[in-house]
C-alpha cells in the first residue's frame, strides 16, 4: 500500500525507499540538513515558536486544544526550518496540507489495515471494481502525498527565485546543488534528476519530526502533571538560573542539568515510537 506507485506512491520516501542511488542521495541531504552546526542555526525558530505558543495559552487559557496547539507548534517549526514558511494558525493551508498527507501515510503504513499488504497482486484491481473502495482511498492519499511533497517545496523555490526566501534547509541545500551544477555541464543537464532526492529528503523531515516532537512534548507535560514534586524542582532550577528576568533559551541547556534529565526521562518513560521500553 505504501511503496507501490499504483497505490499511495510513497516508494521514494526515505523510510521505505530501497537502497540505491536515490536513497543514498537522500541520506546525504539529510546528513547535511541535520548536522549539529546546521541544527543550531534554527534554534531561534524553536525558541520563537515556543514563546508564541506560551503566549497563546496565557492570553486565552480557556480556549483551544492543547493537543492541536502542540501539533501546530511543531509543524510550524519544521515548516519554517525546512522551507522557510512561517505560520501562526492551525488552519494554515500549507500546514493542513502536509498534515493531511502525513495522516494518509500513517494509515496506509499499518499492515493490517489493507488486504493488499498481504496479497500485493490485488493492486491491479481497478478502482471502479465493486469492493475496491480501498483503491480509491489509495488514489486520494497518493494525491495528498504529491501535495505534501511538492507544494511547500515549490513555494520555497518561488521565493528563492524572487529573492525573498528566508533562511531554510531547502534554501541552503538547493543553493549548494545549483552551485555544483553551474561548475559541471554534466550535473547541470541532470539538475531535475539531482533535485528529486532533495525534494523527497526535505519532505520526509516533516513526517519524521512533527508527530514525534509533539507527542514527546505532550508526554513531558503529562509527567509534570503526574509528578508535581519534579515540576517544582525544575521550576526552582529555572528560577535560580534566570532570576525571573528572562525566558530560557536553548543555549542554557548546559546550565540546566535537572531539566535535561527530565527531557531524557520523558523520552524513556513513554516512547512515542514502536519498540521503546
C-alpha atoms as a PDB file:
ATOM      1  CA  UNK A   1       0.000   0.000   0.000  1.00  0.00           C
ATOM      2  CA  UNK A   2       2.855   2.356   0.861  1.00  0.00           C
ATOM      3  CA  UNK A   3       5.538   1.804  -1.762  1.00  0.00           C
ATOM      4  CA  UNK A   4       3.545   0.917  -4.883  1.00  0.00           C
ATOM      5  CA  UNK A   5       3.235   3.763  -7.426  1.00  0.00           C
ATOM      6  CA  UNK A   6      -0.191   2.326  -8.277  1.00  0.00           C
ATOM      7  CA  UNK A   7      -1.365   2.909  -4.711  1.00  0.00           C
ATOM      8  CA  UNK A   8      -0.129   5.648  -2.353  1.00  0.00           C
ATOM      9  CA  UNK A   9       3.214   6.003  -4.128  1.00  0.00           C
ATOM     10  CA  UNK A  10       5.463   6.623  -1.127  1.00  0.00           C
ATOM     11  CA  UNK A  11       8.181   4.405  -2.608  1.00  0.00           C
ATOM     12  CA  UNK A  12      10.684   7.261  -2.807  1.00  0.00           C
ATOM     13  CA  UNK A  13      10.231   8.233   0.832  1.00  0.00           C
ATOM     14  CA  UNK A  14      13.328   7.838   2.966  1.00  0.00           C
ATOM     15  CA  UNK A  15      11.591   5.471   5.391  1.00  0.00           C
ATOM     16  CA  UNK A  16      10.509   2.945   2.745  1.00  0.00           C
ATOM     17  CA  UNK A  17      12.826   3.573  -0.202  1.00  0.00           C
ATOM     18  CA  UNK A  18      15.015   0.707  -1.325  1.00  0.00           C
ATOM     19  CA  UNK A  19      18.777   1.027  -1.177  1.00  0.00           C
ATOM     20  CA  UNK A  20      20.105   2.723  -4.301  1.00  0.00           C
ATOM     21  CA  UNK A  21      21.404   5.995  -5.684  1.00  0.00           C
ATOM     22  CA  UNK A  22      18.182   7.860  -4.855  1.00  0.00           C
ATOM     23  CA  UNK A  23      18.268   6.638  -1.250  1.00  0.00           C
ATOM     24  CA  UNK A  24      21.971   7.449  -0.875  1.00  0.00           C
ATOM     25  CA  UNK A  25      21.392  10.968  -2.202  1.00  0.00           C
ATOM     26  CA  UNK A  26      18.557  11.476   0.294  1.00  0.00           C
ATOM     27  CA  UNK A  27      20.758  10.216   3.110  1.00  0.00           C
ATOM     28  CA  UNK A  28      23.449  12.725   2.202  1.00  0.00           C
ATOM     29  CA  UNK A  29      20.964  15.601   2.074  1.00  0.00           C
ATOM     30  CA  UNK A  30      19.546  14.611   5.462  1.00  0.00           C
ATOM     31  CA  UNK A  31      23.024  14.376   6.940  1.00  0.00           C
ATOM     32  CA  UNK A  32      23.767  17.886   5.689  1.00  0.00           C
ATOM     33  CA  UNK A  33      20.423  19.195   6.948  1.00  0.00           C
ATOM     34  CA  UNK A  34      20.554  17.635  10.413  1.00  0.00           C
ATOM     35  CA  UNK A  35      24.180  18.166  11.386  1.00  0.00           C
ATOM     36  CA  UNK A  36      24.909  19.886  14.690  1.00  0.00           C
ATOM     37  CA  UNK A  37      26.044  23.129  13.067  1.00  0.00           C
ATOM     38  CA  UNK A  38      23.037  23.272  10.754  1.00  0.00           C
ATOM     39  CA  UNK A  39      20.567  22.438  13.528  1.00  0.00           C
ATOM     40  CA  UNK A  40      21.923  25.205  15.765  1.00  0.00           C
ATOM     41  CA  UNK A  41      21.068  27.728  13.042  1.00  0.00           C
ATOM     42  CA  UNK A  42      17.386  27.018  13.651  1.00  0.00           C
ATOM     43  CA  UNK A  43      17.369  27.372  17.431  1.00  0.00           C
ATOM     44  CA  UNK A  44      15.783  30.847  17.136  1.00  0.00           C
ATOM     45  CA  UNK A  45      12.861  29.306  15.230  1.00  0.00           C
ATOM     46  CA  UNK A  46      12.268  26.784  18.019  1.00  0.00           C
ATOM     47  CA  UNK A  47      12.545  29.434  20.720  1.00  0.00           C
ATOM     48  CA  UNK A  48      10.218  31.816  18.907  1.00  0.00           C
ATOM     49  CA  UNK A  49       7.686  29.035  18.325  1.00  0.00           C
ATOM     50  CA  UNK A  50       7.705  28.019  21.992  1.00  0.00           C
ATOM     51  CA  UNK A  51       7.239  31.606  23.170  1.00  0.00           C
ATOM     52  CA  UNK A  52       4.439  32.238  20.683  1.00  0.00           C
ATOM     53  CA  UNK A  53       2.638  29.106  21.878  1.00  0.00           C
ATOM     54  CA  UNK A  54       3.081  30.010  25.547  1.00  0.00           C
ATOM     55  CA  UNK A  55       1.707  33.483  24.852  1.00  0.00           C
ATOM     56  CA  UNK A  56      -1.356  31.998  23.133  1.00  0.00           C
ATOM     57  CA  UNK A  57      -2.134  29.938  26.240  1.00  0.00           C
ATOM     58  CA  UNK A  58      -1.529  32.890  28.573  1.00  0.00           C
ATOM     59  CA  UNK A  59      -3.733  35.219  26.545  1.00  0.00           C
ATOM     60  CA  UNK A  60      -6.589  32.753  26.247  1.00  0.00           C
ATOM     61  CA  UNK A  61      -6.128  29.774  28.595  1.00  0.00           C
ATOM     62  CA  UNK A  62      -9.747  28.605  28.422  1.00  0.00           C
ATOM     63  CA  UNK A  63      -9.952  28.163  24.656  1.00  0.00           C
ATOM     64  CA  UNK A  64      -8.254  25.896  22.217  1.00  0.00           C
ATOM     65  CA  UNK A  65      -6.993  22.346  22.365  1.00  0.00           C
ATOM     66  CA  UNK A  66      -3.549  21.703  23.821  1.00  0.00           C
ATOM     67  CA  UNK A  67      -3.086  18.721  21.517  1.00  0.00           C
ATOM     68  CA  UNK A  68      -3.797  20.631  18.311  1.00  0.00           C
ATOM     69  CA  UNK A  69      -1.715  23.552  19.568  1.00  0.00           C
ATOM     70  CA  UNK A  70       1.337  21.329  20.165  1.00  0.00           C
ATOM     71  CA  UNK A  71       0.975  19.801  16.709  1.00  0.00           C
ATOM     72  CA  UNK A  72       0.617  23.282  15.242  1.00  0.00           C
ATOM     73  CA  UNK A  73       3.756  24.466  17.015  1.00  0.00           C
ATOM     74  CA  UNK A  74       5.960  21.545  15.977  1.00  0.00           C
ATOM     75  CA  UNK A  75       4.573  21.534  12.443  1.00  0.00           C
ATOM     76  CA  UNK A  76       5.124  25.273  12.106  1.00  0.00           C
ATOM     77  CA  UNK A  77       8.676  24.993  13.447  1.00  0.00           C
ATOM     78  CA  UNK A  78       9.570  22.291  10.948  1.00  0.00           C
ATOM     79  CA  UNK A  79       7.950  24.105   8.020  1.00  0.00           C
ATOM     80  CA  UNK A  80       9.879  27.230   8.940  1.00  0.00           C
ATOM     81  CA  UNK A  81      13.212  25.428   9.335  1.00  0.00           C
ATOM     82  CA  UNK A  82      12.832  23.240   6.243  1.00  0.00           C
ATOM     83  CA  UNK A  83      11.076  25.567   3.796  1.00  0.00           C
ATOM     84  CA  UNK A  84      11.243  28.999   5.418  1.00  0.00           C
ATOM     85  CA  UNK A  85       7.435  29.033   5.638  1.00  0.00           C
ATOM     86  CA  UNK A  86       6.025  30.594   8.809  1.00  0.00           C
ATOM     87  CA  UNK A  87       2.522  30.049  10.143  1.00  0.00           C
ATOM     88  CA  UNK A  88       0.663  31.069  13.280  1.00  0.00           C
ATOM     89  CA  UNK A  89      -2.634  29.269  12.657  1.00  0.00           C
ATOM     90  CA  UNK A  90      -3.557  25.602  12.940  1.00  0.00           C
ATOM     91  CA  UNK A  91      -5.767  26.183   9.890  1.00  0.00           C
ATOM     92  CA  UNK A  92      -2.934  27.443   7.680  1.00  0.00           C
ATOM     93  CA  UNK A  93      -3.444  25.866   4.213  1.00  0.00           C
ATOM     94  CA  UNK A  94       0.092  24.524   3.760  1.00  0.00           C
ATOM     95  CA  UNK A  95       0.275  23.240   7.331  1.00  0.00           C
ATOM     96  CA  UNK A  96      -3.056  21.448   6.854  1.00  0.00           C
ATOM     97  CA  UNK A  97      -1.896  20.112   3.502  1.00  0.00           C
ATOM     98  CA  UNK A  98       1.209  18.430   4.910  1.00  0.00           C
ATOM     99  CA  UNK A  99      -0.719  17.138   7.940  1.00  0.00           C
ATOM    100  CA  UNK A 100      -3.298  15.529   5.639  1.00  0.00           C
ATOM    101  CA  UNK A 101      -0.541  13.946   3.555  1.00  0.00           C
ATOM    102  CA  UNK A 102       1.152  12.576   6.658  1.00  0.00           C
ATOM    103  CA  UNK A 103      -2.142  11.243   8.009  1.00  0.00           C
ATOM    104  CA  UNK A 104      -2.646   9.195   4.845  1.00  0.00           C
ATOM    105  CA  UNK A 105       0.870   7.788   5.121  1.00  0.00           C
ATOM    106  CA  UNK A 106       0.345   6.732   8.744  1.00  0.00           C
ATOM    107  CA  UNK A 107      -2.923   4.944   7.975  1.00  0.00           C
ATOM    108  CA  UNK A 108      -1.557   3.240   4.871  1.00  0.00           C
ATOM    109  CA  UNK A 109       1.552   2.090   6.744  1.00  0.00           C
ATOM    110  CA  UNK A 110      -0.409  -0.143   9.148  1.00  0.00           C
ATOM    111  CA  UNK A 111      -0.111  -3.624   7.557  1.00  0.00           C
ATOM    112  CA  UNK A 112      -3.395  -4.927   8.963  1.00  0.00           C
ATOM    113  CA  UNK A 113      -5.439  -2.049   7.552  1.00  0.00           C
ATOM    114  CA  UNK A 114      -5.448  -3.347   3.984  1.00  0.00           C
ATOM    115  CA  UNK A 115      -5.527  -6.829   2.463  1.00  0.00           C
ATOM    116  CA  UNK A 116      -3.308  -5.675  -0.403  1.00  0.00           C
ATOM    117  CA  UNK A 117      -0.412  -5.535   2.072  1.00  0.00           C
ATOM    118  CA  UNK A 118      -0.615  -9.333   2.290  1.00  0.00           C
ATOM    119  CA  UNK A 119      -1.621 -10.016  -1.316  1.00  0.00           C
ATOM    120  CA  UNK A 120       0.215  -7.454  -3.498  1.00  0.00           C
ATOM    121  CA  UNK A 121      -1.385  -8.733  -6.709  1.00  0.00           C
ATOM    122  CA  UNK A 122      -4.609  -7.012  -5.608  1.00  0.00           C
ATOM    123  CA  UNK A 123      -3.091  -3.655  -6.592  1.00  0.00           C
ATOM    124  CA  UNK A 124      -4.082  -4.303 -10.229  1.00  0.00           C
ATOM    125  CA  UNK A 125      -7.783  -4.263  -9.331  1.00  0.00           C
ATOM    126  CA  UNK A 126      -9.358  -1.140 -10.921  1.00  0.00           C
ATOM    127  CA  UNK A 127     -10.743   1.483  -8.585  1.00  0.00           C
ATOM    128  CA  UNK A 128     -14.243   1.154 -10.060  1.00  0.00           C
ATOM    129  CA  UNK A 129     -14.414  -2.555  -9.176  1.00  0.00           C
ATOM    130  CA  UNK A 130     -17.014  -3.443  -6.507  1.00  0.00           C
ATOM    131  CA  UNK A 131     -15.384  -3.613  -3.087  1.00  0.00           C
ATOM    132  CA  UNK A 132     -12.342  -1.613  -4.222  1.00  0.00           C
ATOM    133  CA  UNK A 133     -13.021   1.393  -2.026  1.00  0.00           C
ATOM    134  CA  UNK A 134      -9.543   0.913  -0.574  1.00  0.00           C
ATOM    135  CA  UNK A 135      -8.117   1.532  -4.059  1.00  0.00           C
ATOM    136  CA  UNK A 136      -9.976   4.831  -4.370  1.00  0.00           C
ATOM    137  CA  UNK A 137      -8.748   5.755  -0.901  1.00  0.00           C
ATOM    138  CA  UNK A 138      -5.186   4.993  -2.003  1.00  0.00           C
ATOM    139  CA  UNK A 139      -5.612   7.283  -5.012  1.00  0.00           C
ATOM    140  CA  UNK A 140      -6.762  10.096  -2.710  1.00  0.00           C
ATOM    141  CA  UNK A 141      -3.791   9.546  -0.420  1.00  0.00           C
ATOM    142  CA  UNK A 142      -1.455   9.498  -3.413  1.00  0.00           C
ATOM    143  CA  UNK A 143      -2.643  12.967  -4.407  1.00  0.00           C
ATOM    144  CA  UNK A 144      -2.311  14.128  -0.796  1.00  0.00           C
ATOM    145  CA  UNK A 145       1.261  12.832  -0.879  1.00  0.00           C
ATOM    146  CA  UNK A 146       2.013  14.750  -4.072  1.00  0.00           C
ATOM    147  CA  UNK A 147       0.700  17.934  -2.458  1.00  0.00           C
ATOM    148  CA  UNK A 148       2.721  17.364   0.707  1.00  0.00           C
ATOM    149  CA  UNK A 149       5.986  16.783  -1.160  1.00  0.00           C
ATOM    150  CA  UNK A 150       5.583  19.393  -3.906  1.00  0.00           C
ATOM    151  CA  UNK A 151       3.559  22.387  -2.682  1.00  0.00           C
ATOM    152  CA  UNK A 152       5.831  23.658   0.139  1.00  0.00           C
ATOM    153  CA  UNK A 153       8.919  22.831  -1.931  1.00  0.00           C
ATOM    154  CA  UNK A 154       7.667  24.859  -4.892  1.00  0.00           C
ATOM    155  CA  UNK A 155       6.732  27.685  -2.513  1.00  0.00           C
ATOM    156  CA  UNK A 156      10.334  27.802  -1.295  1.00  0.00           C
ATOM    157  CA  UNK A 157      11.684  27.719  -4.865  1.00  0.00           C
ATOM    158  CA  UNK A 158       9.418  30.564  -5.960  1.00  0.00           C
ATOM    159  CA  UNK A 159      10.608  32.750  -3.111  1.00  0.00           C
ATOM    160  CA  UNK A 160      14.216  31.871  -3.886  1.00  0.00           C
ATOM    161  CA  UNK A 161      13.650  32.949  -7.475  1.00  0.00           C
ATOM    162  CA  UNK A 162      12.163  36.268  -6.344  1.00  0.00           C
ATOM    163  CA  UNK A 163      14.941  36.874  -3.823  1.00  0.00           C
ATOM    164  CA  UNK A 164      12.560  36.906  -0.852  1.00  0.00           C
ATOM    165  CA  UNK A 165      13.301  33.447   0.563  1.00  0.00           C
ATOM    166  CA  UNK A 166      14.113  33.370   4.291  1.00  0.00           C
ATOM    167  CA  UNK A 167      16.900  31.082   5.532  1.00  0.00           C
ATOM    168  CA  UNK A 168      15.881  27.431   5.364  1.00  0.00           C
ATOM    169  CA  UNK A 169      17.208  23.941   4.765  1.00  0.00           C
ATOM    170  CA  UNK A 170      15.810  23.943   1.221  1.00  0.00           C
ATOM    171  CA  UNK A 171      17.416  27.308   0.529  1.00  0.00           C
ATOM    172  CA  UNK A 172      20.828  26.064   1.683  1.00  0.00           C
ATOM    173  CA  UNK A 173      20.726  22.642   0.010  1.00  0.00           C
ATOM    174  CA  UNK A 174      19.288  23.872  -3.279  1.00  0.00           C
ATOM    175  CA  UNK A 175      21.755  26.760  -3.459  1.00  0.00           C
ATOM    176  CA  UNK A 176      24.627  24.314  -2.920  1.00  0.00           C
ATOM    177  CA  UNK A 177      23.244  21.965  -5.567  1.00  0.00           C
ATOM    178  CA  UNK A 178      22.874  24.750  -8.116  1.00  0.00           C
ATOM    179  CA  UNK A 179      26.390  25.955  -7.347  1.00  0.00           C
ATOM    180  CA  UNK A 180      27.808  22.498  -8.062  1.00  0.00           C
ATOM    181  CA  UNK A 181      25.709  22.189 -11.224  1.00  0.00           C
ATOM    182  CA  UNK A 182      27.000  25.507 -12.554  1.00  0.00           C
ATOM    183  CA  UNK A 183      30.526  24.127 -12.347  1.00  0.00           C
ATOM    184  CA  UNK A 184      29.702  20.927 -14.210  1.00  0.00           C
ATOM    185  CA  UNK A 185      27.768  20.791 -17.511  1.00  0.00           C
ATOM    186  CA  UNK A 186      27.015  17.136 -16.824  1.00  0.00           C
ATOM    187  CA  UNK A 187      25.396  17.918 -13.472  1.00  0.00           C
ATOM    188  CA  UNK A 188      23.541  20.880 -14.971  1.00  0.00           C
ATOM    189  CA  UNK A 189      21.961  18.567 -17.545  1.00  0.00           C
ATOM    190  CA  UNK A 190      20.815  16.278 -14.728  1.00  0.00           C
ATOM    191  CA  UNK A 191      19.551  19.052 -12.452  1.00  0.00           C
ATOM    192  CA  UNK A 192      15.980  17.770 -12.280  1.00  0.00           C
ATOM    193  CA  UNK A 193      17.197  14.254 -11.544  1.00  0.00           C
ATOM    194  CA  UNK A 194      19.537  15.568  -8.841  1.00  0.00           C
ATOM    195  CA  UNK A 195      16.785  17.698  -7.319  1.00  0.00           C
ATOM    196  CA  UNK A 196      14.273  14.878  -6.882  1.00  0.00           C
ATOM    197  CA  UNK A 197      16.004  13.178  -3.914  1.00  0.00           C
ATOM    198  CA  UNK A 198      16.454  16.607  -2.313  1.00  0.00           C
ATOM    199  CA  UNK A 199      12.727  17.264  -2.564  1.00  0.00           C
ATOM    200  CA  UNK A 200      11.918  13.867  -1.063  1.00  0.00           C
ATOM    201  CA  UNK A 201      14.520  14.202   1.681  1.00  0.00           C
ATOM    202  CA  UNK A 202      13.148  17.503   2.969  1.00  0.00           C
ATOM    203  CA  UNK A 203       9.585  16.249   2.555  1.00  0.00           C
ATOM    204  CA  UNK A 204      10.392  13.302   4.797  1.00  0.00           C
ATOM    205  CA  UNK A 205      11.683  15.607   7.532  1.00  0.00           C
ATOM    206  CA  UNK A 206       8.179  16.857   8.338  1.00  0.00           C
ATOM    207  CA  UNK A 207       6.807  13.344   8.706  1.00  0.00           C
ATOM    208  CA  UNK A 208       9.756  12.279  10.822  1.00  0.00           C
ATOM    209  CA  UNK A 209       9.699  15.265  13.158  1.00  0.00           C
ATOM    210  CA  UNK A 210       6.281  16.840  13.611  1.00  0.00           C
ATOM    211  CA  UNK A 211       4.240  13.977  15.093  1.00  0.00           C
ATOM    212  CA  UNK A 212       7.059  12.599  17.249  1.00  0.00           C
ATOM    213  CA  UNK A 213       8.065  16.024  18.565  1.00  0.00           C
ATOM    214  CA  UNK A 214       4.512  16.985  19.503  1.00  0.00           C
ATOM    215  CA  UNK A 215       3.901  13.620  21.171  1.00  0.00           C
ATOM    216  CA  UNK A 216       7.140  13.894  23.159  1.00  0.00           C
ATOM    217  CA  UNK A 217       6.195  17.370  24.403  1.00  0.00           C
ATOM    218  CA  UNK A 218       2.767  16.114  25.471  1.00  0.00           C
ATOM    219  CA  UNK A 219       4.401  13.211  27.335  1.00  0.00           C
ATOM    220  CA  UNK A 220       6.654  15.672  29.183  1.00  0.00           C
ATOM    221  CA  UNK A 221       3.624  17.793  30.128  1.00  0.00           C
ATOM    222  CA  UNK A 222       1.833  14.677  31.381  1.00  0.00           C
ATOM    223  CA  UNK A 223       4.865  13.815  33.505  1.00  0.00           C
ATOM    224  CA  UNK A 224       4.855  17.269  35.081  1.00  0.00           C
ATOM    225  CA  UNK A 225       1.174  16.876  35.963  1.00  0.00           C
ATOM    226  CA  UNK A 226       1.679  13.416  37.458  1.00  0.00           C
ATOM    227  CA  UNK A 227       4.807  14.367  39.394  1.00  0.00           C
ATOM    228  CA  UNK A 228       4.362  17.890  40.820  1.00  0.00           C
ATOM    229  CA  UNK A 229       7.429  17.475  43.047  1.00  0.00           C
ATOM    230  CA  UNK A 230       9.583  17.044  39.942  1.00  0.00           C
ATOM    231  CA  UNK A 231       7.889  20.053  38.377  1.00  0.00           C
ATOM    232  CA  UNK A 232       8.695  22.126  41.477  1.00  0.00           C
ATOM    233  CA  UNK A 233      12.384  21.151  41.343  1.00  0.00           C
ATOM    234  CA  UNK A 234      12.522  22.021  37.641  1.00  0.00           C
ATOM    235  CA  UNK A 235      10.950  25.411  38.304  1.00  0.00           C
ATOM    236  CA  UNK A 236      13.443  26.064  41.091  1.00  0.00           C
ATOM    237  CA  UNK A 237      16.355  25.279  38.778  1.00  0.00           C
ATOM    238  CA  UNK A 238      14.970  27.665  36.155  1.00  0.00           C
ATOM    239  CA  UNK A 239      14.414  30.403  38.738  1.00  0.00           C
ATOM    240  CA  UNK A 240      17.948  30.009  40.080  1.00  0.00           C
ATOM    241  CA  UNK A 241      19.403  30.467  36.607  1.00  0.00           C
ATOM    242  CA  UNK A 242      17.064  33.079  35.161  1.00  0.00           C
ATOM    243  CA  UNK A 243      16.110  35.020  38.268  1.00  0.00           C
ATOM    244  CA  UNK A 244      12.726  35.811  36.771  1.00  0.00           C
ATOM    245  CA  UNK A 245      14.367  38.284  34.388  1.00  0.00           C
ATOM    246  CA  UNK A 246      14.151  36.397  31.100  1.00  0.00           C
ATOM    247  CA  UNK A 247      12.883  33.244  29.412  1.00  0.00           C
ATOM    248  CA  UNK A 248      15.134  30.215  28.908  1.00  0.00           C
ATOM    249  CA  UNK A 249      16.846  29.631  25.570  1.00  0.00           C
ATOM    250  CA  UNK A 250      18.498  26.558  24.125  1.00  0.00           C
ATOM    251  CA  UNK A 251      21.995  27.757  24.938  1.00  0.00           C
ATOM    252  CA  UNK A 252      21.032  27.433  28.625  1.00  0.00           C
ATOM    253  CA  UNK A 253      20.908  23.639  28.374  1.00  0.00           C
ATOM    254  CA  UNK A 254      24.331  23.036  29.911  1.00  0.00           C
ATOM    255  CA  UNK A 255      23.296  25.095  32.939  1.00  0.00           C
ATOM    256  CA  UNK A 256      20.074  23.117  33.448  1.00  0.00           C
ATOM    257  CA  UNK A 257      21.113  19.510  34.205  1.00  0.00           C
ATOM    258  CA  UNK A 258      17.879  18.656  36.035  1.00  0.00           C
ATOM    259  CA  UNK A 259      15.772  19.908  33.124  1.00  0.00           C
ATOM    260  CA  UNK A 260      17.895  17.943  30.660  1.00  0.00           C
ATOM    261  CA  UNK A 261      17.358  14.781  32.664  1.00  0.00           C
ATOM    262  CA  UNK A 262      13.606  15.405  32.760  1.00  0.00           C
ATOM    263  CA  UNK A 263      13.571  15.541  28.965  1.00  0.00           C
ATOM    264  CA  UNK A 264      15.584  12.316  28.703  1.00  0.00           C
ATOM    265  CA  UNK A 265      13.387  10.548  31.246  1.00  0.00           C
ATOM    266  CA  UNK A 266      10.198  11.651  29.465  1.00  0.00           C
ATOM    267  CA  UNK A 267      11.546  10.185  26.224  1.00  0.00           C
ATOM    268  CA  UNK A 268      12.314   6.912  28.024  1.00  0.00           C
ATOM    269  CA  UNK A 269       9.154   6.850  30.144  1.00  0.00           C
ATOM    270  CA  UNK A 270       6.653   6.916  27.284  1.00  0.00           C
ATOM    271  CA  UNK A 271       8.390   6.266  23.995  1.00  0.00           C
ATOM    272  CA  UNK A 272       6.399   7.641  21.054  1.00  0.00           C
ATOM    273  CA  UNK A 273       7.930   5.096  18.660  1.00  0.00           C
ATOM    274  CA  UNK A 274       7.347   1.324  18.418  1.00  0.00           C
ATOM    275  CA  UNK A 275       9.939  -0.735  20.243  1.00  0.00           C
ATOM    276  CA  UNK A 276      10.510   1.746  23.065  1.00  0.00           C
ATOM    277  CA  UNK A 277      10.833   0.351  26.569  1.00  0.00           C
END
